């Protein structure tokens, strides 16, 4: 099964993780459509996110 590690970091230091208030957060994504939705959402996010995606198998 293919999976991806999706990491988002706020360029402005704003919280990305609502629980820890950290400016960086990572999540493992198991569905390509879900990954695509997250990437699209990050492009318009007001926190000015830097996104990295690492494929894991």
PDB file of N, CA and C in Angstrom:
ATOM      1  N   UNK A   1       0.840  -1.173   0.000  1.00  0.00           N
ATOM      2  CA  UNK A   1       0.000   0.000   0.000  1.00  0.00           C
ATOM      3  C   UNK A   1       0.893   1.247   0.000  1.00  0.00           C
ATOM      4  N   UNK A   2       0.596   2.152  -0.884  1.00  0.00           N
ATOM      5  CA  UNK A   2       1.337   3.407  -0.951  1.00  0.00           C
ATOM      6  C   UNK A   2       0.777   4.383   0.067  1.00  0.00           C
ATOM      7  N   UNK A   3       1.676   5.101   0.702  1.00  0.00           N
ATOM      8  CA  UNK A   3       1.288   6.139   1.648  1.00  0.00           C
ATOM      9  C   UNK A   3       2.261   7.306   1.484  1.00  0.00           C
ATOM     10  N   UNK A   4       1.871   8.437   2.001  1.00  0.00           N
ATOM     11  CA  UNK A   4       2.695   9.646   1.917  1.00  0.00           C
ATOM     12  C   UNK A   4       2.754  10.310   3.280  1.00  0.00           C
ATOM     13  N   UNK A   5       3.879  10.924   3.580  1.00  0.00           N
ATOM     14  CA  UNK A   5       3.977  11.779   4.759  1.00  0.00           C
ATOM     15  C   UNK A   5       3.816  13.206   4.262  1.00  0.00           C
ATOM     16  N   UNK A   6       2.764  13.841   4.691  1.00  0.00           N
ATOM     17  CA  UNK A   6       2.424  15.205   4.311  1.00  0.00           C
ATOM     18  C   UNK A   6       2.828  16.112   5.469  1.00  0.00           C
ATOM     19  N   UNK A   7       3.733  17.042   5.203  1.00  0.00           N
ATOM     20  CA  UNK A   7       4.195  17.964   6.230  1.00  0.00           C
ATOM     21  C   UNK A   7       3.893  19.393   5.789  1.00  0.00           C
ATOM     22  N   UNK A   8       3.300  20.140   6.690  1.00  0.00           N
ATOM     23  CA  UNK A   8       2.990  21.547   6.429  1.00  0.00           C
ATOM     24  C   UNK A   8       3.677  22.405   7.480  1.00  0.00           C
ATOM     25  N   UNK A   9       4.328  23.460   7.019  1.00  0.00           N
ATOM     26  CA  UNK A   9       5.014  24.409   7.907  1.00  0.00           C
ATOM     27  C   UNK A   9       4.572  25.817   7.540  1.00  0.00           C
ATOM     28  N   UNK A  10       4.195  26.574   8.533  1.00  0.00           N
ATOM     29  CA  UNK A  10       3.797  27.964   8.305  1.00  0.00           C
ATOM     30  C   UNK A  10       5.029  28.839   8.142  1.00  0.00           C
ATOM     31  N   UNK A  11       5.096  29.568   7.043  1.00  0.00           N
ATOM     32  CA  UNK A  11       6.221  30.489   6.822  1.00  0.00           C
ATOM     33  C   UNK A  11       6.204  31.643   7.817  1.00  0.00           C
ATOM     34  N   UNK A  12       5.024  31.952   8.348  1.00  0.00           N
ATOM     35  CA  UNK A  12       4.875  33.090   9.253  1.00  0.00           C
ATOM     36  C   UNK A  12       4.905  32.684  10.725  1.00  0.00           C
ATOM     37  N   UNK A  13       5.082  31.387  10.999  1.00  0.00           N
ATOM     38  CA  UNK A  13       5.149  30.911  12.376  1.00  0.00           C
ATOM     39  C   UNK A  13       3.807  30.687  13.037  1.00  0.00           C
ATOM     40  N   UNK A  14       2.737  30.810  12.276  1.00  0.00           N
ATOM     41  CA  UNK A  14       1.413  30.588  12.837  1.00  0.00           C
ATOM     42  C   UNK A  14       1.207  29.102  13.131  1.00  0.00           C
ATOM     43  N   UNK A  15       0.379  28.767  14.117  1.00  0.00           N
ATOM     44  CA  UNK A  15       0.140  27.361  14.448  1.00  0.00           C
ATOM     45  C   UNK A  15      -0.484  26.596  13.281  1.00  0.00           C
ATOM     46  N   UNK A  16       0.054  25.421  13.034  1.00  0.00           N
ATOM     47  CA  UNK A  16      -0.507  24.510  12.039  1.00  0.00           C
ATOM     48  C   UNK A  16      -1.232  23.373  12.767  1.00  0.00           C
ATOM     49  N   UNK A  17      -0.678  22.954  13.896  1.00  0.00           N
ATOM     50  CA  UNK A  17      -1.297  21.918  14.711  1.00  0.00           C
ATOM     51  C   UNK A  17      -2.185  22.600  15.751  1.00  0.00           C
ATOM     52  N   UNK A  18      -3.505  22.371  15.694  1.00  0.00           N
ATOM     53  CA  UNK A  18      -4.411  23.072  16.604  1.00  0.00           C
ATOM     54  C   UNK A  18      -4.282  22.636  18.065  1.00  0.00           C
ATOM     55  N   UNK A  19      -3.695  21.480  18.304  1.00  0.00           N
ATOM     56  CA  UNK A  19      -3.568  20.979  19.680  1.00  0.00           C
ATOM     57  C   UNK A  19      -2.286  21.489  20.335  1.00  0.00           C
ATOM     58  N   UNK A  20      -1.158  21.319  19.655  1.00  0.00           N
ATOM     59  CA  UNK A  20       0.130  21.720  20.235  1.00  0.00           C
ATOM     60  C   UNK A  20       0.503  23.145  19.893  1.00  0.00           C
ATOM     61  N   UNK A  21      -0.184  23.737  18.940  1.00  0.00           N
ATOM     62  CA  UNK A  21       0.093  25.096  18.446  1.00  0.00           C
ATOM     63  C   UNK A  21       1.445  25.201  17.743  1.00  0.00           C
ATOM     64  N   UNK A  22       2.003  24.078  17.334  1.00  0.00           N
ATOM     65  CA  UNK A  22       3.290  24.073  16.629  1.00  0.00           C
ATOM     66  C   UNK A  22       3.117  24.615  15.211  1.00  0.00           C
ATOM     67  N   UNK A  23       4.148  25.290  14.674  1.00  0.00           N
ATOM     68  CA  UNK A  23       4.060  25.837  13.324  1.00  0.00           C
ATOM     69  C   UNK A  23       4.310  24.794  12.236  1.00  0.00           C
ATOM     70  N   UNK A  24       4.600  23.548  12.634  1.00  0.00           N
ATOM     71  CA  UNK A  24       4.812  22.451  11.691  1.00  0.00           C
ATOM     72  C   UNK A  24       4.018  21.245  12.150  1.00  0.00           C
ATOM     73  N   UNK A  25       3.447  20.525  11.192  1.00  0.00           N
ATOM     74  CA  UNK A  25       2.727  19.298  11.526  1.00  0.00           C
ATOM     75  C   UNK A  25       2.849  18.319  10.371  1.00  0.00           C
ATOM     76  N   UNK A  26       2.882  17.040  10.700  1.00  0.00           N
ATOM     77  CA  UNK A  26       2.957  15.981   9.692  1.00  0.00           C
ATOM     78  C   UNK A  26       1.839  14.980   9.929  1.00  0.00           C
ATOM     79  N   UNK A  27       1.394  14.386   8.838  1.00  0.00           N
ATOM     80  CA  UNK A  27       0.365  13.364   8.907  1.00  0.00           C
ATOM     81  C   UNK A  27       0.657  12.327   7.829  1.00  0.00           C
ATOM     82  N   UNK A  28       0.343  11.078   8.107  1.00  0.00           N
ATOM     83  CA  UNK A  28       0.460  10.034   7.099  1.00  0.00           C
ATOM     84  C   UNK A  28      -0.860   9.951   6.348  1.00  0.00           C
ATOM     85  N   UNK A  29      -0.779  10.018   5.026  1.00  0.00           N
ATOM     86  CA  UNK A  29      -1.966   9.995   4.171  1.00  0.00           C
ATOM     87  C   UNK A  29      -1.931   8.706   3.360  1.00  0.00           C
ATOM     88  N   UNK A  30      -3.046   7.980   3.351  1.00  0.00           N
ATOM     89  CA  UNK A  30      -3.100   6.671   2.703  1.00  0.00           C
ATOM     90  C   UNK A  30      -3.893   6.658   1.396  1.00  0.00           C
ATOM     91  N   UNK A  31      -4.481   7.779   1.046  1.00  0.00           N
ATOM     92  CA  UNK A  31      -5.337   7.845  -0.135  1.00  0.00           C
ATOM     93  C   UNK A  31      -4.880   8.998  -1.026  1.00  0.00           C
ATOM     94  N   UNK A  32      -4.682   8.736  -2.305  1.00  0.00           N
ATOM     95  CA  UNK A  32      -4.193   9.756  -3.250  1.00  0.00           C
ATOM     96  C   UNK A  32      -5.159  10.928  -3.357  1.00  0.00           C
ATOM     97  N   UNK A  33      -6.448  10.644  -3.361  1.00  0.00           N
ATOM     98  CA  UNK A  33      -7.434  11.727  -3.451  1.00  0.00           C
ATOM     99  C   UNK A  33      -7.363  12.621  -2.212  1.00  0.00           C
ATOM    100  N   UNK A  34      -7.169  12.022  -1.042  1.00  0.00           N
ATOM    101  CA  UNK A  34      -7.024  12.791   0.190  1.00  0.00           C
ATOM    102  C   UNK A  34      -5.766  13.647   0.132  1.00  0.00           C
ATOM    103  N   UNK A  35      -4.683  13.081  -0.363  1.00  0.00           N
ATOM    104  CA  UNK A  35      -3.435  13.827  -0.515  1.00  0.00           C
ATOM    105  C   UNK A  35      -3.632  15.021  -1.442  1.00  0.00           C
ATOM    106  N   UNK A  36      -4.278  14.801  -2.562  1.00  0.00           N
ATOM    107  CA  UNK A  36      -4.534  15.878  -3.521  1.00  0.00           C
ATOM    108  C   UNK A  36      -5.377  16.992  -2.900  1.00  0.00           C
ATOM    109  N   UNK A  37      -6.387  16.631  -2.087  1.00  0.00           N
ATOM    110  CA  UNK A  37      -7.228  17.634  -1.411  1.00  0.00           C
ATOM    111  C   UNK A  37      -6.400  18.454  -0.425  1.00  0.00           C
ATOM    112  N   UNK A  38      -5.517  17.791   0.305  1.00  0.00           N
ATOM    113  CA  UNK A  38      -4.684  18.497   1.283  1.00  0.00           C
ATOM    114  C   UNK A  38      -3.722  19.464   0.595  1.00  0.00           C
ATOM    115  N   UNK A  39      -3.145  19.043  -0.515  1.00  0.00           N
ATOM    116  CA  UNK A  39      -2.235  19.917  -1.264  1.00  0.00           C
ATOM    117  C   UNK A  39      -2.993  21.126  -1.806  1.00  0.00           C
ATOM    118  N   UNK A  40      -4.174  20.900  -2.357  1.00  0.00           N
ATOM    119  CA  UNK A  40      -4.976  22.003  -2.891  1.00  0.00           C
ATOM    120  C   UNK A  40      -5.372  22.978  -1.780  1.00  0.00           C
ATOM    121  N   UNK A  41      -5.742  22.466  -0.632  1.00  0.00           N
ATOM    122  CA  UNK A  41      -6.138  23.322   0.488  1.00  0.00           C
ATOM    123  C   UNK A  41      -4.950  24.138   0.996  1.00  0.00           C
ATOM    124  N   UNK A  42      -3.778  23.538   1.010  1.00  0.00           N
ATOM    125  CA  UNK A  42      -2.584  24.235   1.490  1.00  0.00           C
ATOM    126  C   UNK A  42      -2.220  25.414   0.594  1.00  0.00           C
ATOM    127  N   UNK A  43      -2.517  25.304  -0.694  1.00  0.00           N
ATOM    128  CA  UNK A  43      -2.183  26.376  -1.631  1.00  0.00           C
ATOM    129  C   UNK A  43      -2.936  27.664  -1.334  1.00  0.00           C
ATOM    130  N   UNK A  44      -4.118  27.565  -0.756  1.00  0.00           N
ATOM    131  CA  UNK A  44      -4.928  28.753  -0.463  1.00  0.00           C
ATOM    132  C   UNK A  44      -5.000  29.059   1.027  1.00  0.00           C
ATOM    133  N   UNK A  45      -4.257  28.336   1.832  1.00  0.00           N
ATOM    134  CA  UNK A  45      -4.283  28.530   3.283  1.00  0.00           C
ATOM    135  C   UNK A  45      -3.668  29.890   3.639  1.00  0.00           C
ATOM    136  N   UNK A  46      -4.317  30.664   4.499  1.00  0.00           N
ATOM    137  CA  UNK A  46      -3.811  31.995   4.845  1.00  0.00           C
ATOM    138  C   UNK A  46      -2.525  31.980   5.680  1.00  0.00           C
ATOM    139  N   UNK A  47      -2.122  30.810   6.175  1.00  0.00           N
ATOM    140  CA  UNK A  47      -0.889  30.738   6.972  1.00  0.00           C
ATOM    141  C   UNK A  47       0.357  30.662   6.105  1.00  0.00           C
ATOM    142  N   UNK A  48       0.204  30.730   4.776  1.00  0.00           N
ATOM    143  CA  UNK A  48       1.342  30.714   3.852  1.00  0.00           C
ATOM    144  C   UNK A  48       2.210  29.488   4.116  1.00  0.00           C
ATOM    145  N   UNK A  49       1.664  28.312   3.786  1.00  0.00           N
ATOM    146  CA  UNK A  49       2.307  27.046   4.126  1.00  0.00           C
ATOM    147  C   UNK A  49       3.352  26.596   3.120  1.00  0.00           C
ATOM    148  N   UNK A  50       4.395  26.006   3.651  1.00  0.00           N
ATOM    149  CA  UNK A  50       5.361  25.245   2.864  1.00  0.00           C
ATOM    150  C   UNK A  50       4.959  23.786   3.051  1.00  0.00           C
ATOM    151  N   UNK A  51       4.744  23.077   1.958  1.00  0.00           N
ATOM    152  CA  UNK A  51       4.307  21.695   2.047  1.00  0.00           C
ATOM    153  C   UNK A  51       5.368  20.780   1.434  1.00  0.00           C
ATOM    154  N   UNK A  52       5.659  19.688   2.131  1.00  0.00           N
ATOM    155  CA  UNK A  52       6.510  18.649   1.581  1.00  0.00           C
ATOM    156  C   UNK A  52       5.739  17.341   1.635  1.00  0.00           C
ATOM    157  N   UNK A  53       5.953  16.515   0.617  1.00  0.00           N
ATOM    158  CA  UNK A  53       5.300  15.216   0.552  1.00  0.00           C
ATOM    159  C   UNK A  53       6.375  14.182   0.288  1.00  0.00           C
ATOM    160  N   UNK A  54       6.427  13.194   1.161  1.00  0.00           N
ATOM    161  CA  UNK A  54       7.390  12.105   1.019  1.00  0.00           C
ATOM    162  C   UNK A  54       6.622  10.799   0.844  1.00  0.00           C
ATOM    163  N   UNK A  55       6.894  10.109  -0.246  1.00  0.00           N
ATOM    164  CA  UNK A  55       6.217   8.838  -0.502  1.00  0.00           C
ATOM    165  C   UNK A  55       6.893   7.734   0.311  1.00  0.00           C
ATOM    166  N   UNK A  56       6.069   6.947   0.975  1.00  0.00           N
ATOM    167  CA  UNK A  56       6.565   5.790   1.713  1.00  0.00           C
ATOM    168  C   UNK A  56       5.823   4.558   1.212  1.00  0.00           C
ATOM    169  N   UNK A  57       6.507   3.449   1.134  1.00  0.00           N
ATOM    170  CA  UNK A  57       5.859   2.217   0.660  1.00  0.00           C
ATOM    171  C   UNK A  57       5.910   1.144   1.729  1.00  0.00           C
TER     172      UNK A  57
END
